[in-house]
């Protein structure tokens, strides 16, 4: 008979994967520590889309949330391939995408309750959840810069520039495909 502890413990490979992503999210490791595996990348991209749907569901119609999340996930793939292609480093795409999308899934898991809180309170009480959401965005920018620095073999400041470009493209795409409130 299994104990409750065994039921709550993730399987060993899953635990190792979570610890690997946690190391990347703390800026202690780069995407190169992940395997170059399409088998791993595919479910991570699916989770990236699902988290995007979850976040979009707070402010968009269901069909628009689905489409917006799909566009966001496709944009990540295109941006990473284009950025690495400019430097002739396409061989690093799978690891870079796995790291970026996987870490964004975990950040999105943090952002979903913050977004729920933001929309659940009166407008006058949205400052704290809004500020915490901005901190998650800042973490996302720093994290993307860290991942791009490792993937491209560039300085931290240039990685941050690439991350800001990534975030700006992401915001521009979201603004272009979602209706104004």
C-alpha atoms as a PDB file:
ATOM      1  CA  UNK A   1       0.000   0.000   0.000  1.00  0.00           C
ATOM      2  CA  UNK A   2       1.305   3.455  -0.922  1.00  0.00           C
ATOM      3  CA  UNK A   3       1.663   6.151   1.684  1.00  0.00           C
ATOM      4  CA  UNK A   4       0.449   9.690   1.158  1.00  0.00           C
ATOM      5  CA  UNK A   5       4.071  10.861   0.907  1.00  0.00           C
ATOM      6  CA  UNK A   6       4.725   8.584  -2.054  1.00  0.00           C
ATOM      7  CA  UNK A   7       1.612   9.838  -3.806  1.00  0.00           C
ATOM      8  CA  UNK A   8       2.713  13.456  -3.390  1.00  0.00           C
ATOM      9  CA  UNK A   9       6.307  12.928  -4.520  1.00  0.00           C
ATOM     10  CA  UNK A  10       6.870  13.425  -8.243  1.00  0.00           C
ATOM     11  CA  UNK A  11       8.681  10.596 -10.028  1.00  0.00           C
ATOM     12  CA  UNK A  12      12.469  10.880  -9.881  1.00  0.00           C
ATOM     13  CA  UNK A  13      12.969  12.038 -13.506  1.00  0.00           C
ATOM     14  CA  UNK A  14      10.241  14.656 -13.048  1.00  0.00           C
ATOM     15  CA  UNK A  15      11.843  15.854  -9.813  1.00  0.00           C
ATOM     16  CA  UNK A  16      15.193  16.192 -11.607  1.00  0.00           C
ATOM     17  CA  UNK A  17      13.549  18.173 -14.409  1.00  0.00           C
ATOM     18  CA  UNK A  18      11.833  20.516 -11.950  1.00  0.00           C
ATOM     19  CA  UNK A  19      15.146  21.062 -10.153  1.00  0.00           C
ATOM     20  CA  UNK A  20      16.846  21.794 -13.478  1.00  0.00           C
ATOM     21  CA  UNK A  21      14.251  24.422 -14.393  1.00  0.00           C
ATOM     22  CA  UNK A  22      14.495  25.873 -10.892  1.00  0.00           C
ATOM     23  CA  UNK A  23      18.276  26.256 -11.376  1.00  0.00           C
ATOM     24  CA  UNK A  24      17.686  28.097 -14.644  1.00  0.00           C
ATOM     25  CA  UNK A  25      15.002  30.291 -13.066  1.00  0.00           C
ATOM     26  CA  UNK A  26      17.443  31.290 -10.304  1.00  0.00           C
ATOM     27  CA  UNK A  27      19.949  32.212 -13.053  1.00  0.00           C
ATOM     28  CA  UNK A  28      22.355  29.530 -11.799  1.00  0.00           C
ATOM     29  CA  UNK A  29      22.350  27.415 -14.970  1.00  0.00           C
ATOM     30  CA  UNK A  30      21.772  27.974 -18.656  1.00  0.00           C
ATOM     31  CA  UNK A  31      19.704  26.168 -21.263  1.00  0.00           C
ATOM     32  CA  UNK A  32      22.676  23.975 -22.169  1.00  0.00           C
ATOM     33  CA  UNK A  33      22.016  21.762 -19.118  1.00  0.00           C
ATOM     34  CA  UNK A  34      18.729  20.603 -20.655  1.00  0.00           C
ATOM     35  CA  UNK A  35      18.673  17.740 -23.135  1.00  0.00           C
ATOM     36  CA  UNK A  36      18.190  18.640 -26.804  1.00  0.00           C
ATOM     37  CA  UNK A  37      14.999  16.598 -26.928  1.00  0.00           C
ATOM     38  CA  UNK A  38      11.930  17.159 -29.082  1.00  0.00           C
ATOM     39  CA  UNK A  39      10.259  14.594 -26.804  1.00  0.00           C
ATOM     40  CA  UNK A  40      10.654  17.075 -23.920  1.00  0.00           C
ATOM     41  CA  UNK A  41      10.067  20.227 -25.969  1.00  0.00           C
ATOM     42  CA  UNK A  42       6.664  19.156 -27.353  1.00  0.00           C
ATOM     43  CA  UNK A  43       4.843  18.817 -24.003  1.00  0.00           C
ATOM     44  CA  UNK A  44       6.531  21.975 -22.716  1.00  0.00           C
ATOM     45  CA  UNK A  45       5.215  23.939 -25.699  1.00  0.00           C
ATOM     46  CA  UNK A  46       1.770  22.435 -25.087  1.00  0.00           C
ATOM     47  CA  UNK A  47       1.961  23.522 -21.438  1.00  0.00           C
ATOM     48  CA  UNK A  48       3.149  26.979 -22.562  1.00  0.00           C
ATOM     49  CA  UNK A  49       0.029  27.278 -24.708  1.00  0.00           C
ATOM     50  CA  UNK A  50      -2.213  25.983 -21.883  1.00  0.00           C
ATOM     51  CA  UNK A  51      -0.829  28.496 -19.375  1.00  0.00           C
ATOM     52  CA  UNK A  52      -1.351  31.226 -21.975  1.00  0.00           C
ATOM     53  CA  UNK A  53      -4.977  30.135 -22.334  1.00  0.00           C
ATOM     54  CA  UNK A  54      -5.347  30.203 -18.551  1.00  0.00           C
ATOM     55  CA  UNK A  55      -3.967  33.720 -18.332  1.00  0.00           C
ATOM     56  CA  UNK A  56      -5.979  34.926 -21.321  1.00  0.00           C
ATOM     57  CA  UNK A  57      -9.214  33.521 -19.903  1.00  0.00           C
ATOM     58  CA  UNK A  58      -9.319  36.313 -17.322  1.00  0.00           C
ATOM     59  CA  UNK A  59      -9.718  39.083 -19.878  1.00  0.00           C
ATOM     60  CA  UNK A  60     -10.546  37.518 -23.249  1.00  0.00           C
ATOM     61  CA  UNK A  61     -13.408  35.571 -24.773  1.00  0.00           C
ATOM     62  CA  UNK A  62     -12.639  31.815 -24.816  1.00  0.00           C
ATOM     63  CA  UNK A  63     -11.890  31.635 -28.541  1.00  0.00           C
ATOM     64  CA  UNK A  64      -9.674  34.705 -28.352  1.00  0.00           C
ATOM     65  CA  UNK A  65      -7.813  33.268 -25.333  1.00  0.00           C
ATOM     66  CA  UNK A  66      -7.121  30.068 -27.297  1.00  0.00           C
ATOM     67  CA  UNK A  67      -5.932  31.988 -30.368  1.00  0.00           C
ATOM     68  CA  UNK A  68      -3.885  34.504 -28.395  1.00  0.00           C
ATOM     69  CA  UNK A  69      -2.107  31.741 -26.468  1.00  0.00           C
ATOM     70  CA  UNK A  70      -1.375  29.856 -29.687  1.00  0.00           C
ATOM     71  CA  UNK A  71       0.037  33.012 -31.277  1.00  0.00           C
ATOM     72  CA  UNK A  72       2.188  33.590 -28.189  1.00  0.00           C
ATOM     73  CA  UNK A  73       3.627  30.085 -28.254  1.00  0.00           C
ATOM     74  CA  UNK A  74       4.284  30.242 -32.006  1.00  0.00           C
ATOM     75  CA  UNK A  75       5.944  33.636 -31.493  1.00  0.00           C
ATOM     76  CA  UNK A  76       8.349  32.119 -28.922  1.00  0.00           C
ATOM     77  CA  UNK A  77       9.361  29.430 -31.423  1.00  0.00           C
ATOM     78  CA  UNK A  78       9.824  31.893 -34.298  1.00  0.00           C
ATOM     79  CA  UNK A  79      11.685  34.461 -32.183  1.00  0.00           C
ATOM     80  CA  UNK A  80      14.140  31.903 -30.785  1.00  0.00           C
ATOM     81  CA  UNK A  81      14.797  30.362 -34.210  1.00  0.00           C
ATOM     82  CA  UNK A  82      15.299  33.805 -35.784  1.00  0.00           C
ATOM     83  CA  UNK A  83      17.581  35.019 -33.004  1.00  0.00           C
ATOM     84  CA  UNK A  84      19.728  31.893 -33.042  1.00  0.00           C
ATOM     85  CA  UNK A  85      19.704  31.851 -36.852  1.00  0.00           C
ATOM     86  CA  UNK A  86      21.183  35.356 -36.954  1.00  0.00           C
ATOM     87  CA  UNK A  87      24.190  34.026 -35.044  1.00  0.00           C
ATOM     88  CA  UNK A  88      24.380  30.695 -36.889  1.00  0.00           C
ATOM     89  CA  UNK A  89      23.442  28.801 -33.733  1.00  0.00           C
ATOM     90  CA  UNK A  90      20.260  26.987 -34.767  1.00  0.00           C
ATOM     91  CA  UNK A  91      21.599  23.764 -33.248  1.00  0.00           C
ATOM     92  CA  UNK A  92      20.860  25.327 -29.849  1.00  0.00           C
ATOM     93  CA  UNK A  93      17.184  25.963 -30.633  1.00  0.00           C
ATOM     94  CA  UNK A  94      15.660  22.942 -28.900  1.00  0.00           C
ATOM     95  CA  UNK A  95      17.469  23.538 -25.609  1.00  0.00           C
ATOM     96  CA  UNK A  96      16.816  27.283 -25.746  1.00  0.00           C
ATOM     97  CA  UNK A  97      13.119  26.803 -26.504  1.00  0.00           C
ATOM     98  CA  UNK A  98      12.786  24.151 -23.811  1.00  0.00           C
ATOM     99  CA  UNK A  99      14.407  26.440 -21.238  1.00  0.00           C
ATOM    100  CA  UNK A 100      12.496  29.581 -22.207  1.00  0.00           C
ATOM    101  CA  UNK A 101       9.073  27.975 -22.632  1.00  0.00           C
ATOM    102  CA  UNK A 102       9.523  25.732 -19.587  1.00  0.00           C
ATOM    103  CA  UNK A 103      10.506  28.606 -17.329  1.00  0.00           C
ATOM    104  CA  UNK A 104       7.639  30.691 -18.700  1.00  0.00           C
ATOM    105  CA  UNK A 105       5.265  27.842 -17.819  1.00  0.00           C
ATOM    106  CA  UNK A 106       6.470  28.019 -14.215  1.00  0.00           C
ATOM    107  CA  UNK A 107       6.295  31.823 -14.156  1.00  0.00           C
ATOM    108  CA  UNK A 108       2.818  31.580 -15.675  1.00  0.00           C
ATOM    109  CA  UNK A 109       1.824  29.251 -12.857  1.00  0.00           C
ATOM    110  CA  UNK A 110       2.789  32.092 -10.499  1.00  0.00           C
ATOM    111  CA  UNK A 111       1.020  34.680 -12.638  1.00  0.00           C
ATOM    112  CA  UNK A 112      -2.340  32.872 -12.810  1.00  0.00           C
ATOM    113  CA  UNK A 113      -3.246  33.368  -9.123  1.00  0.00           C
ATOM    114  CA  UNK A 114      -1.937  36.944  -9.258  1.00  0.00           C
ATOM    115  CA  UNK A 115      -4.105  37.620 -12.300  1.00  0.00           C
ATOM    116  CA  UNK A 116      -7.112  36.010 -10.607  1.00  0.00           C
ATOM    117  CA  UNK A 117      -6.502  38.198  -7.561  1.00  0.00           C
ATOM    118  CA  UNK A 118      -6.153  41.298  -9.770  1.00  0.00           C
ATOM    119  CA  UNK A 119      -9.506  40.694 -11.467  1.00  0.00           C
ATOM    120  CA  UNK A 120     -11.282  39.578  -8.260  1.00  0.00           C
ATOM    121  CA  UNK A 121     -10.764  42.793  -6.309  1.00  0.00           C
ATOM    122  CA  UNK A 122     -12.238  46.246  -6.897  1.00  0.00           C
ATOM    123  CA  UNK A 123     -10.171  48.512  -9.105  1.00  0.00           C
ATOM    124  CA  UNK A 124      -9.043  50.582  -6.112  1.00  0.00           C
ATOM    125  CA  UNK A 125      -7.418  47.481  -4.571  1.00  0.00           C
ATOM    126  CA  UNK A 126      -5.453  46.290  -7.594  1.00  0.00           C
ATOM    127  CA  UNK A 127      -2.146  47.963  -6.727  1.00  0.00           C
ATOM    128  CA  UNK A 128      -0.583  45.034  -4.852  1.00  0.00           C
ATOM    129  CA  UNK A 129      -1.507  42.261  -7.309  1.00  0.00           C
ATOM    130  CA  UNK A 130      -0.488  44.606 -10.132  1.00  0.00           C
ATOM    131  CA  UNK A 131       2.885  45.277  -8.508  1.00  0.00           C
ATOM    132  CA  UNK A 132       3.478  41.577  -7.894  1.00  0.00           C
ATOM    133  CA  UNK A 133       2.601  40.890 -11.536  1.00  0.00           C
ATOM    134  CA  UNK A 134       5.182  43.483 -12.586  1.00  0.00           C
ATOM    135  CA  UNK A 135       7.768  41.681 -10.451  1.00  0.00           C
ATOM    136  CA  UNK A 136       6.956  38.429 -12.273  1.00  0.00           C
ATOM    137  CA  UNK A 137       7.352  40.304 -15.579  1.00  0.00           C
ATOM    138  CA  UNK A 138      10.725  41.630 -14.406  1.00  0.00           C
ATOM    139  CA  UNK A 139      11.773  38.096 -13.482  1.00  0.00           C
ATOM    140  CA  UNK A 140      10.667  36.937 -16.934  1.00  0.00           C
ATOM    141  CA  UNK A 141      12.800  39.617 -18.610  1.00  0.00           C
ATOM    142  CA  UNK A 142      15.855  38.803 -16.476  1.00  0.00           C
ATOM    143  CA  UNK A 143      15.330  35.099 -17.095  1.00  0.00           C
ATOM    144  CA  UNK A 144      14.965  35.492 -20.862  1.00  0.00           C
ATOM    145  CA  UNK A 145      18.105  37.652 -20.889  1.00  0.00           C
ATOM    146  CA  UNK A 146      19.975  34.961 -18.975  1.00  0.00           C
ATOM    147  CA  UNK A 147      18.799  32.230 -21.357  1.00  0.00           C
ATOM    148  CA  UNK A 148      19.627  34.306 -24.455  1.00  0.00           C
ATOM    149  CA  UNK A 149      23.070  35.168 -23.037  1.00  0.00           C
ATOM    150  CA  UNK A 150      23.908  31.486 -22.699  1.00  0.00           C
ATOM    151  CA  UNK A 151      22.298  30.422 -25.981  1.00  0.00           C
ATOM    152  CA  UNK A 152      23.950  33.160 -28.020  1.00  0.00           C
ATOM    153  CA  UNK A 153      27.274  33.313 -26.171  1.00  0.00           C
ATOM    154  CA  UNK A 154      26.911  37.058 -25.588  1.00  0.00           C
ATOM    155  CA  UNK A 155      27.287  39.411 -22.631  1.00  0.00           C
ATOM    156  CA  UNK A 156      24.617  39.757 -19.961  1.00  0.00           C
ATOM    157  CA  UNK A 157      23.735  43.247 -21.174  1.00  0.00           C
ATOM    158  CA  UNK A 158      23.252  42.042 -24.750  1.00  0.00           C
ATOM    159  CA  UNK A 159      21.180  39.131 -23.434  1.00  0.00           C
ATOM    160  CA  UNK A 160      18.998  41.675 -21.661  1.00  0.00           C
ATOM    161  CA  UNK A 161      18.635  43.664 -24.897  1.00  0.00           C
ATOM    162  CA  UNK A 162      17.519  40.471 -26.667  1.00  0.00           C
ATOM    163  CA  UNK A 163      15.065  39.778 -23.827  1.00  0.00           C
ATOM    164  CA  UNK A 164      13.605  43.274 -24.054  1.00  0.00           C
ATOM    165  CA  UNK A 165      13.174  42.779 -27.798  1.00  0.00           C
ATOM    166  CA  UNK A 166      11.451  39.473 -27.105  1.00  0.00           C
ATOM    167  CA  UNK A 167       9.066  41.046 -24.580  1.00  0.00           C
ATOM    168  CA  UNK A 168       8.324  43.996 -26.882  1.00  0.00           C
ATOM    169  CA  UNK A 169       7.530  41.662 -29.785  1.00  0.00           C
ATOM    170  CA  UNK A 170       5.335  39.619 -27.444  1.00  0.00           C
ATOM    171  CA  UNK A 171       3.426  42.708 -26.266  1.00  0.00           C
ATOM    172  CA  UNK A 172       3.083  44.028 -29.828  1.00  0.00           C
ATOM    173  CA  UNK A 173       1.687  40.699 -30.995  1.00  0.00           C
ATOM    174  CA  UNK A 174      -0.750  40.559 -28.073  1.00  0.00           C
ATOM    175  CA  UNK A 175      -1.876  44.105 -28.807  1.00  0.00           C
ATOM    176  CA  UNK A 176      -2.339  43.356 -32.491  1.00  0.00           C
ATOM    177  CA  UNK A 177      -4.470  40.244 -32.080  1.00  0.00           C
ATOM    178  CA  UNK A 178      -6.577  41.069 -29.034  1.00  0.00           C
ATOM    179  CA  UNK A 179      -9.385  43.608 -29.048  1.00  0.00           C
ATOM    180  CA  UNK A 180      -8.982  46.826 -27.098  1.00  0.00           C
ATOM    181  CA  UNK A 181     -10.975  46.872 -23.828  1.00  0.00           C
END
